[in-house]
Amino acid sequence: MAGISSFTPAQIAEAEHHLDTPSPETDPKVDRLVNELIGRVADKWTMLILEELNEKGVMRFSEIGRAIEGISQKMLTQTLRLMERDGLVTRTVYPVVPPKVEYALTALGESLGAAFCGVWVWAERHLEEIEVSREAFDTRE
């Protein structure tokens, strides 16, 4: 995955603002949606596909499969279908032989990728603390 440098300064500033601002009370419907989206997006394949499409733009199915190490064709198909259902990607089929299918992030997909910029900002801020904690945990008896 790319580092924090793949995000724009405005995305980084917005993520930092959210990290530094207390959370207001939320609507239970929003809570349910967030929990559902986190479950889906926390799946590594969705995040990796989001990142590939964000970095490279429009990609063919086979290009995405080659770019994401370890993903099976079945898992790529399932993940792209769920992403299309949620409005995160568009799928364009061209009437040619052999079939040509391209995927691209929608504005919604781009904004979700930008929202996860906060994870990069948080990780960058707390990298040393986490490494110290892991080291202490791994060496205790």
C-alpha atoms as a PDB file:
ATOM      1  CA  MET A   1       0.000   0.000   0.000  1.00  0.00           C
ATOM      2  CA  ALA A   2       1.103   3.525  -0.605  1.00  0.00           C
ATOM      3  CA  GLY A   3       1.990   5.718   2.309  1.00  0.00           C
ATOM      4  CA  ILE A   4       0.471   8.934   3.531  1.00  0.00           C
ATOM      5  CA  SER A   5       2.186  10.779   0.677  1.00  0.00           C
ATOM      6  CA  SER A   6      -0.393   9.386  -1.778  1.00  0.00           C
ATOM      7  CA  PHE A   7      -3.024  11.657  -0.176  1.00  0.00           C
ATOM      8  CA  THR A   8      -3.429  15.340  -0.968  1.00  0.00           C
ATOM      9  CA  PRO A   9      -2.491  17.965   1.634  1.00  0.00           C
ATOM     10  CA  ALA A  10      -6.190  18.865   1.930  1.00  0.00           C
ATOM     11  CA  GLN A  11      -7.127  15.219   2.673  1.00  0.00           C
ATOM     12  CA  ILE A  12      -4.386  15.002   5.297  1.00  0.00           C
ATOM     13  CA  ALA A  13      -5.494  18.282   6.902  1.00  0.00           C
ATOM     14  CA  GLU A  14      -9.115  17.098   7.028  1.00  0.00           C
ATOM     15  CA  ALA A  15      -8.103  13.769   8.572  1.00  0.00           C
ATOM     16  CA  GLU A  16      -5.963  15.534  11.179  1.00  0.00           C
ATOM     17  CA  HIS A  17      -8.875  17.856  11.975  1.00  0.00           C
ATOM     18  CA  HIS A  18     -11.178  14.863  12.546  1.00  0.00           C
ATOM     19  CA  LEU A  19      -8.613  13.173  14.775  1.00  0.00           C
ATOM     20  CA  ASP A  20      -8.327  16.318  16.884  1.00  0.00           C
ATOM     21  CA  THR A  21     -12.083  17.036  17.143  1.00  0.00           C
ATOM     22  CA  PRO A  22     -14.357  15.275  19.668  1.00  0.00           C
ATOM     23  CA  SER A  23     -17.059  13.125  18.074  1.00  0.00           C
ATOM     24  CA  PRO A  24     -20.656  14.354  18.343  1.00  0.00           C
ATOM     25  CA  GLU A  25     -23.535  11.988  19.126  1.00  0.00           C
ATOM     26  CA  THR A  26     -24.515  10.066  16.021  1.00  0.00           C
ATOM     27  CA  ASP A  27     -27.763   8.813  14.588  1.00  0.00           C
ATOM     28  CA  PRO A  28     -28.231   5.042  15.187  1.00  0.00           C
ATOM     29  CA  LYS A  29     -28.818   4.588  11.427  1.00  0.00           C
ATOM     30  CA  VAL A  30     -25.452   6.191  10.754  1.00  0.00           C
ATOM     31  CA  ASP A  31     -23.843   3.939  13.380  1.00  0.00           C
ATOM     32  CA  ARG A  32     -25.253   0.846  11.634  1.00  0.00           C
ATOM     33  CA  LEU A  33     -24.054   2.066   8.239  1.00  0.00           C
ATOM     34  CA  VAL A  34     -20.582   2.803   9.582  1.00  0.00           C
ATOM     35  CA  ASN A  35     -20.365  -0.645  11.181  1.00  0.00           C
ATOM     36  CA  GLU A  36     -21.450  -2.259   7.918  1.00  0.00           C
ATOM     37  CA  LEU A  37     -19.002  -0.219   5.846  1.00  0.00           C
ATOM     38  CA  ILE A  38     -16.125  -0.848   8.225  1.00  0.00           C
ATOM     39  CA  GLY A  39     -16.813  -4.566   7.972  1.00  0.00           C
ATOM     40  CA  ARG A  40     -16.767  -4.401   4.206  1.00  0.00           C
ATOM     41  CA  VAL A  41     -13.945  -1.929   3.741  1.00  0.00           C
ATOM     42  CA  ALA A  42     -11.777  -3.373   6.494  1.00  0.00           C
ATOM     43  CA  ASP A  43     -11.572  -6.439   4.300  1.00  0.00           C
ATOM     44  CA  LYS A  44      -8.117  -6.103   2.805  1.00  0.00           C
ATOM     45  CA  TRP A  45      -9.221  -6.776  -0.773  1.00  0.00           C
ATOM     46  CA  THR A  46     -11.601  -3.818  -0.853  1.00  0.00           C
ATOM     47  CA  MET A  47      -8.936  -1.491   0.498  1.00  0.00           C
ATOM     48  CA  LEU A  48      -6.337  -2.772  -1.946  1.00  0.00           C
ATOM     49  CA  ILE A  49      -8.706  -2.400  -4.903  1.00  0.00           C
ATOM     50  CA  LEU A  50      -9.663   1.104  -3.744  1.00  0.00           C
ATOM     51  CA  GLU A  51      -6.013   2.036  -3.595  1.00  0.00           C
ATOM     52  CA  GLU A  52      -5.130   0.554  -6.997  1.00  0.00           C
ATOM     53  CA  LEU A  53      -8.019   2.317  -8.718  1.00  0.00           C
ATOM     54  CA  ASN A  54      -7.226   5.547  -6.883  1.00  0.00           C
ATOM     55  CA  GLU A  55      -3.603   5.442  -8.018  1.00  0.00           C
ATOM     56  CA  LYS A  56      -4.079   4.150 -11.562  1.00  0.00           C
ATOM     57  CA  GLY A  57      -7.562   5.301 -12.568  1.00  0.00           C
ATOM     58  CA  VAL A  58      -9.540   3.106 -14.946  1.00  0.00           C
ATOM     59  CA  MET A  59      -8.352  -0.495 -14.939  1.00  0.00           C
ATOM     60  CA  ARG A  60      -9.364  -3.727 -16.608  1.00  0.00           C
ATOM     61  CA  PHE A  61     -10.310  -6.724 -14.480  1.00  0.00           C
ATOM     62  CA  SER A  62      -7.101  -8.569 -15.346  1.00  0.00           C
ATOM     63  CA  GLU A  63      -4.963  -5.513 -14.546  1.00  0.00           C
ATOM     64  CA  ILE A  64      -6.473  -5.266 -11.084  1.00  0.00           C
ATOM     65  CA  GLY A  65      -5.888  -8.981 -10.552  1.00  0.00           C
ATOM     66  CA  ARG A  66      -2.223  -8.687 -11.522  1.00  0.00           C
ATOM     67  CA  ALA A  67      -1.710  -5.594  -9.372  1.00  0.00           C
ATOM     68  CA  ILE A  68      -3.067  -7.185  -6.187  1.00  0.00           C
ATOM     69  CA  GLU A  69      -0.840 -10.008  -5.070  1.00  0.00           C
ATOM     70  CA  GLY A  70      -2.638 -13.065  -3.739  1.00  0.00           C
ATOM     71  CA  ILE A  71      -6.196 -12.243  -4.794  1.00  0.00           C
ATOM     72  CA  SER A  72      -8.036 -15.051  -6.564  1.00  0.00           C
ATOM     73  CA  GLN A  73     -10.227 -14.400  -9.582  1.00  0.00           C
ATOM     74  CA  LYS A  74     -13.278 -15.458  -7.537  1.00  0.00           C
ATOM     75  CA  MET A  75     -12.447 -13.058  -4.678  1.00  0.00           C
ATOM     76  CA  LEU A  76     -11.720 -10.223  -7.100  1.00  0.00           C
ATOM     77  CA  THR A  77     -15.084 -10.788  -8.809  1.00  0.00           C
ATOM     78  CA  GLN A  78     -16.966 -10.908  -5.487  1.00  0.00           C
ATOM     79  CA  THR A  79     -15.239  -7.827  -4.106  1.00  0.00           C
ATOM     80  CA  LEU A  80     -15.766  -5.770  -7.252  1.00  0.00           C
ATOM     81  CA  ARG A  81     -19.461  -6.745  -7.321  1.00  0.00           C
ATOM     82  CA  LEU A  82     -19.937  -5.617  -3.708  1.00  0.00           C
ATOM     83  CA  MET A  83     -18.064  -2.391  -4.420  1.00  0.00           C
ATOM     84  CA  GLU A  84     -20.254  -1.780  -7.478  1.00  0.00           C
ATOM     85  CA  ARG A  85     -23.399  -2.502  -5.427  1.00  0.00           C
ATOM     86  CA  ASP A  86     -22.312   0.065  -2.822  1.00  0.00           C
ATOM     87  CA  GLY A  87     -21.627   2.640  -5.530  1.00  0.00           C
ATOM     88  CA  LEU A  88     -17.864   2.684  -4.980  1.00  0.00           C
ATOM     89  CA  VAL A  89     -16.906   1.606  -8.512  1.00  0.00           C
ATOM     90  CA  THR A  90     -18.407   1.689 -11.967  1.00  0.00           C
ATOM     91  CA  ARG A  91     -18.186  -1.283 -14.296  1.00  0.00           C
ATOM     92  CA  THR A  92     -18.160  -0.615 -18.028  1.00  0.00           C
ATOM     93  CA  VAL A  93     -18.589  -3.520 -20.433  1.00  0.00           C
ATOM     94  CA  TYR A  94     -17.588  -2.956 -24.049  1.00  0.00           C
ATOM     95  CA  PRO A  95     -19.336  -5.035 -26.759  1.00  0.00           C
ATOM     96  CA  VAL A  96     -16.191  -6.521 -28.254  1.00  0.00           C
ATOM     97  CA  VAL A  97     -14.725 -10.002 -28.570  1.00  0.00           C
ATOM     98  CA  PRO A  98     -13.045 -10.932 -26.319  1.00  0.00           C
ATOM     99  CA  PRO A  99     -15.089  -8.994 -23.747  1.00  0.00           C
ATOM    100  CA  LYS A 100     -13.494  -5.858 -22.379  1.00  0.00           C
ATOM    101  CA  VAL A 101     -14.562  -4.758 -18.885  1.00  0.00           C
ATOM    102  CA  GLU A 102     -13.166  -1.713 -17.098  1.00  0.00           C
ATOM    103  CA  TYR A 103     -13.558  -0.519 -13.528  1.00  0.00           C
ATOM    104  CA  ALA A 104     -13.185   2.976 -12.139  1.00  0.00           C
ATOM    105  CA  LEU A 105     -13.771   4.601  -8.775  1.00  0.00           C
ATOM    106  CA  THR A 106     -16.864   6.733  -8.448  1.00  0.00           C
ATOM    107  CA  ALA A 107     -16.794  10.013  -6.543  1.00  0.00           C
ATOM    108  CA  LEU A 108     -18.199   8.032  -3.616  1.00  0.00           C
ATOM    109  CA  GLY A 109     -15.328   5.538  -3.853  1.00  0.00           C
ATOM    110  CA  GLU A 110     -12.783   8.349  -4.034  1.00  0.00           C
ATOM    111  CA  SER A 111     -14.275   9.996  -0.968  1.00  0.00           C
ATOM    112  CA  LEU A 112     -14.133   6.708   0.968  1.00  0.00           C
ATOM    113  CA  GLY A 113     -10.470   6.378   0.091  1.00  0.00           C
ATOM    114  CA  ALA A 114      -9.929   9.936   1.305  1.00  0.00           C
ATOM    115  CA  ALA A 115     -11.751   9.125   4.545  1.00  0.00           C
ATOM    116  CA  PHE A 116      -9.256   6.352   5.229  1.00  0.00           C
ATOM    117  CA  CYS A 117      -6.494   8.928   4.992  1.00  0.00           C
ATOM    118  CA  GLY A 118      -7.154   9.373   8.712  1.00  0.00           C
ATOM    119  CA  VAL A 119      -5.883   5.850   9.341  1.00  0.00           C
ATOM    120  CA  TRP A 120      -2.587   6.761   7.666  1.00  0.00           C
ATOM    121  CA  VAL A 121      -2.331   9.984   9.684  1.00  0.00           C
ATOM    122  CA  TRP A 122      -3.080   8.094  12.911  1.00  0.00           C
ATOM    123  CA  ALA A 123      -0.577   5.342  12.072  1.00  0.00           C
ATOM    124  CA  GLU A 124       2.111   7.895  11.282  1.00  0.00           C
ATOM    125  CA  ARG A 125       1.447   9.730  14.569  1.00  0.00           C
ATOM    126  CA  HIS A 126       1.527   6.569  16.684  1.00  0.00           C
ATOM    127  CA  LEU A 127       4.022   4.335  14.892  1.00  0.00           C
ATOM    128  CA  GLU A 128       6.708   4.538  17.584  1.00  0.00           C
ATOM    129  CA  GLU A 129       4.231   3.970  20.444  1.00  0.00           C
ATOM    130  CA  ILE A 130       2.846   0.877  18.744  1.00  0.00           C
ATOM    131  CA  GLU A 131       6.295  -0.515  17.997  1.00  0.00           C
ATOM    132  CA  VAL A 132       7.356  -0.014  21.647  1.00  0.00           C
ATOM    133  CA  SER A 133       4.150  -1.670  22.861  1.00  0.00           C
ATOM    134  CA  ARG A 134       4.579  -4.628  20.516  1.00  0.00           C
ATOM    135  CA  GLU A 135       8.195  -5.074  21.521  1.00  0.00           C
ATOM    136  CA  ALA A 136       7.247  -5.024  25.228  1.00  0.00           C
ATOM    137  CA  PHE A 137       4.445  -7.528  24.641  1.00  0.00           C
ATOM    138  CA  ASP A 138       6.605  -9.870  22.542  1.00  0.00           C
ATOM    139  CA  THR A 139       9.455  -9.949  25.083  1.00  0.00           C
ATOM    140  CA  ARG A 140       7.450 -10.417  28.262  1.00  0.00           C
ATOM    141  CA  GLU A 141       7.351 -13.794  29.894  1.00  0.00           C
END
